[in-house]
Amino acid sequence: MSKTYHLTTPLDDEITSKLHSGDIVYISGTIYTARDAAHKRLVDLLDEGKELPFDIKGAIIYFVGPTPPKPGDPIGSAGPTTSYRMDSYSPRLIAEGLKGMIGKGKRNEAVTDACQKHKAIYFGATGGAGALLGKKIESAEVIAYEELGPEAIRKLEVVDFPVTVINDTYGKDLYKIGRSQYEVK
């Protein structure tokens, strides 16, 4: 039976350990955006022993390349992008303290293993609902890699941003759970 939680960032082990695949979560606070090009740059910085453009400990990264905002809005449509493109980078960022990722689609075993080992969560956001998700974003500021355009790293302030726990700290995967419930054997 899934539960509903209202959480404020940053996250920690105590918070992530309470969450289970299928739980509904409303996130408020600061989250960061990054897609594959930005992820590569983050991992390159770590490899070079350099500081990241934001504190990754307890952070959530949203895999999104938002559209330009309409006048008066902080951001345009902000729907999730397919997460597997970040799979080669996510385990390293999780090991550095990343506690949450938001995207769509399944993750590979290295990511789910890292979630278990380091108590991180992979959240799913509803694809195709970018305009509605954008309404939950109160402010957006480019903080790194402006030259990447929509894929630049942004600091977002969100209120009640709706997500579902896909991969939890116990090795559970909502996609596998859901399929097993309806699969004809």
Protein backbone atom coordinates (compact mmCIF):
# COMPACT_ATOMS: atom_id res chain seq x y z
CA MET A 1 0.00 0.00 0.00
CA SER A 2 1.55 3.27 -1.09
CA LYS A 3 1.75 6.32 1.13
CA THR A 4 1.81 10.04 0.43
CA TYR A 5 4.57 12.31 1.70
CA HIS A 6 5.24 16.05 1.61
CA LEU A 7 9.02 16.56 1.72
CA THR A 8 11.30 19.57 1.80
CA THR A 9 14.80 19.44 0.37
CA PRO A 10 17.56 18.63 1.09
CA LEU A 11 16.97 14.91 1.65
CA ASP A 12 18.89 12.66 4.04
CA ASP A 13 19.12 8.93 4.78
CA GLU A 14 16.35 9.09 7.36
CA ILE A 15 13.95 10.59 4.83
CA THR A 16 14.91 8.37 1.91
CA SER A 17 14.70 5.22 4.06
CA LYS A 18 11.01 5.96 4.76
CA LEU A 19 10.11 5.94 1.07
CA HIS A 20 9.03 2.87 -0.87
CA SER A 21 8.40 2.20 -4.53
CA GLY A 22 4.90 3.41 -5.38
CA ASP A 23 4.78 6.16 -2.75
CA ILE A 24 3.52 9.55 -3.92
CA VAL A 25 5.76 12.47 -2.92
CA TYR A 26 5.23 16.22 -3.13
CA ILE A 27 8.61 17.96 -3.09
CA SER A 28 9.12 21.54 -1.93
CA GLY A 29 12.38 23.46 -1.77
CA THR A 30 15.40 23.56 -4.06
CA ILE A 31 16.02 21.06 -6.83
CA TYR A 32 18.53 21.28 -9.68
CA THR A 33 18.18 20.52 -13.37
CA ALA A 34 20.74 18.61 -15.41
CA ARG A 35 20.68 16.41 -18.47
CA ASP A 36 23.40 14.27 -20.04
CA ALA A 37 25.79 17.03 -21.21
CA ALA A 38 25.69 18.68 -17.77
CA HIS A 39 26.07 15.30 -16.04
CA LYS A 40 29.22 14.61 -18.03
CA ARG A 41 30.65 17.97 -16.97
CA LEU A 42 29.79 17.31 -13.32
CA VAL A 43 31.56 13.95 -13.35
CA ASP A 44 34.54 15.51 -15.18
CA LEU A 45 34.79 18.12 -12.39
CA LEU A 46 34.80 15.35 -9.78
CA ASP A 47 37.47 13.44 -11.74
CA GLU A 48 39.60 16.61 -11.77
CA GLY A 49 39.12 17.12 -8.03
CA LYS A 50 37.23 20.36 -8.60
CA GLU A 51 34.17 21.74 -6.81
CA LEU A 52 30.70 21.23 -8.27
CA PRO A 53 28.53 24.29 -9.07
CA PHE A 54 26.10 23.30 -6.27
CA ASP A 55 26.19 21.26 -3.08
CA ILE A 56 25.27 17.76 -4.18
CA LYS A 57 24.88 16.39 -0.65
CA GLY A 58 21.17 15.77 -0.10
CA ALA A 59 20.28 17.29 -3.47
CA ILE A 60 17.73 16.23 -6.07
CA ILE A 61 18.49 16.52 -9.79
CA TYR A 62 15.57 16.79 -12.22
CA PHE A 63 16.34 15.46 -15.70
CA VAL A 64 14.70 18.22 -17.72
CA GLY A 65 15.42 20.69 -20.51
CA PRO A 66 12.69 23.29 -19.95
CA THR A 67 11.21 25.49 -22.65
CA PRO A 68 11.56 29.27 -22.45
CA PRO A 69 9.10 30.93 -20.06
CA LYS A 70 6.11 32.96 -21.11
CA PRO A 71 6.22 36.58 -19.89
CA GLY A 72 5.75 36.64 -16.12
CA ASP A 73 6.46 32.92 -15.65
CA PRO A 74 9.71 31.62 -14.09
CA ILE A 75 9.96 28.71 -16.56
CA GLY A 76 8.17 27.18 -19.51
CA SER A 77 7.09 23.59 -19.93
CA ALA A 78 9.27 21.39 -17.70
CA GLY A 79 8.53 17.74 -18.38
CA PRO A 80 10.95 14.94 -17.51
CA THR A 81 13.40 13.55 -20.02
CA THR A 82 14.28 9.89 -20.43
CA SER A 83 16.60 8.96 -17.59
CA TYR A 84 18.73 6.19 -19.09
CA ARG A 85 20.98 8.81 -20.73
CA MET A 86 22.21 9.74 -17.24
CA ASP A 87 22.81 6.14 -16.14
CA SER A 88 26.56 6.20 -16.79
CA TYR A 89 26.94 9.29 -14.56
CA SER A 90 24.35 8.84 -11.81
CA PRO A 91 26.16 6.20 -9.68
CA ARG A 92 29.16 8.54 -9.26
CA LEU A 93 26.95 11.48 -8.27
CA ILE A 94 24.96 9.27 -5.87
CA ALA A 95 28.24 8.17 -4.24
CA GLU A 96 29.07 11.88 -3.75
CA GLY A 97 25.81 12.47 -1.85
CA LEU A 98 23.06 12.97 -4.45
CA LYS A 99 19.86 11.74 -2.76
CA GLY A 100 17.25 12.06 -5.48
CA MET A 101 16.77 12.02 -9.23
CA ILE A 102 13.58 12.85 -11.12
CA GLY A 103 12.95 11.62 -14.64
CA LYS A 104 10.99 9.11 -16.66
CA GLY A 105 11.74 5.55 -17.69
CA LYS A 106 13.69 2.76 -16.09
CA ARG A 107 17.25 2.89 -14.78
CA ASN A 108 20.04 0.37 -15.15
CA GLU A 109 21.31 -1.98 -12.46
CA ALA A 110 24.32 0.20 -11.58
CA VAL A 111 21.96 3.07 -10.70
CA THR A 112 19.55 0.93 -8.70
CA ASP A 113 22.48 -0.68 -6.85
CA ALA A 114 23.87 2.79 -6.05
CA CYS A 115 20.43 3.84 -4.76
CA GLN A 116 20.47 0.89 -2.37
CA LYS A 117 24.06 1.34 -1.26
CA HIS A 118 23.87 5.12 -0.69
CA LYS A 119 20.16 5.46 0.21
CA ALA A 120 19.12 7.48 -2.83
CA ILE A 121 15.75 7.57 -4.59
CA TYR A 122 14.76 7.66 -8.23
CA PHE A 123 11.46 9.50 -8.63
CA GLY A 124 9.27 9.41 -11.71
CA ALA A 125 7.49 12.50 -13.00
CA THR A 126 4.62 12.24 -15.45
CA GLY A 127 5.76 12.52 -19.05
CA GLY A 128 3.56 14.69 -21.23
CA ALA A 129 2.61 16.92 -18.30
CA GLY A 130 5.43 19.44 -18.64
CA ALA A 131 3.15 22.48 -18.72
CA LEU A 132 1.46 21.38 -15.51
CA LEU A 133 4.76 20.50 -13.81
CA GLY A 134 6.11 23.93 -14.77
CA LYS A 135 3.33 25.49 -12.68
CA LYS A 136 4.89 23.91 -9.55
CA ILE A 137 8.15 25.78 -10.16
CA GLU A 138 8.23 29.17 -8.45
CA SER A 139 11.67 30.31 -9.60
CA ALA A 140 14.40 29.19 -11.99
CA GLU A 141 17.97 30.46 -12.16
CA VAL A 142 20.77 29.24 -14.44
CA ILE A 143 23.75 28.49 -12.18
CA ALA A 144 26.13 26.67 -14.56
CA TYR A 145 26.80 25.94 -18.23
CA GLU A 146 24.55 28.65 -19.67
CA GLU A 147 25.97 27.82 -23.11
CA LEU A 148 24.02 24.53 -22.98
CA GLY A 149 20.76 26.48 -23.35
CA PRO A 150 17.83 24.38 -22.10
CA GLU A 151 20.32 21.82 -20.76
CA ALA A 152 22.12 24.34 -18.52
CA ILE A 153 22.06 23.57 -14.80
CA ARG A 154 19.27 25.50 -13.13
CA LYS A 155 18.40 25.99 -9.51
CA LEU A 156 14.64 25.60 -9.16
CA GLU A 157 12.44 26.46 -6.22
CA VAL A 158 9.44 24.15 -6.24
CA VAL A 159 6.29 23.79 -4.17
CA ASP A 160 4.46 20.46 -3.98
CA PHE A 161 6.19 19.11 -7.10
CA PRO A 162 4.43 15.75 -7.70
CA VAL A 163 6.51 12.60 -8.19
CA THR A 164 6.26 8.87 -7.58
CA VAL A 165 9.00 6.71 -6.03
CA ILE A 166 10.19 4.33 -8.75
CA ASN A 167 13.42 2.93 -7.25
CA ASP A 168 13.76 2.95 -3.48
CA THR A 169 16.61 2.29 -1.05
CA TYR A 170 15.51 -1.36 -0.69
CA GLY A 171 16.09 -2.38 -4.31
CA LYS A 172 12.43 -2.24 -5.29
CA ASP A 173 11.43 -1.05 -8.77
CA LEU A 174 7.89 0.18 -9.38
CA TYR A 175 8.09 -0.70 -13.07
CA LYS A 176 8.83 -4.35 -12.22
CA ILE A 177 6.22 -4.40 -9.43
CA GLY A 178 3.54 -2.95 -11.69
CA ARG A 179 4.32 -5.31 -14.53
CA SER A 180 4.27 -8.37 -12.27
CA GLN A 181 0.82 -7.42 -10.98
CA TYR A 182 -0.71 -7.46 -14.45
CA GLU A 183 1.46 -9.91 -16.35
CA VAL A 184 -0.33 -13.01 -17.58
CA LYS A 185 1.66 -16.09 -16.63
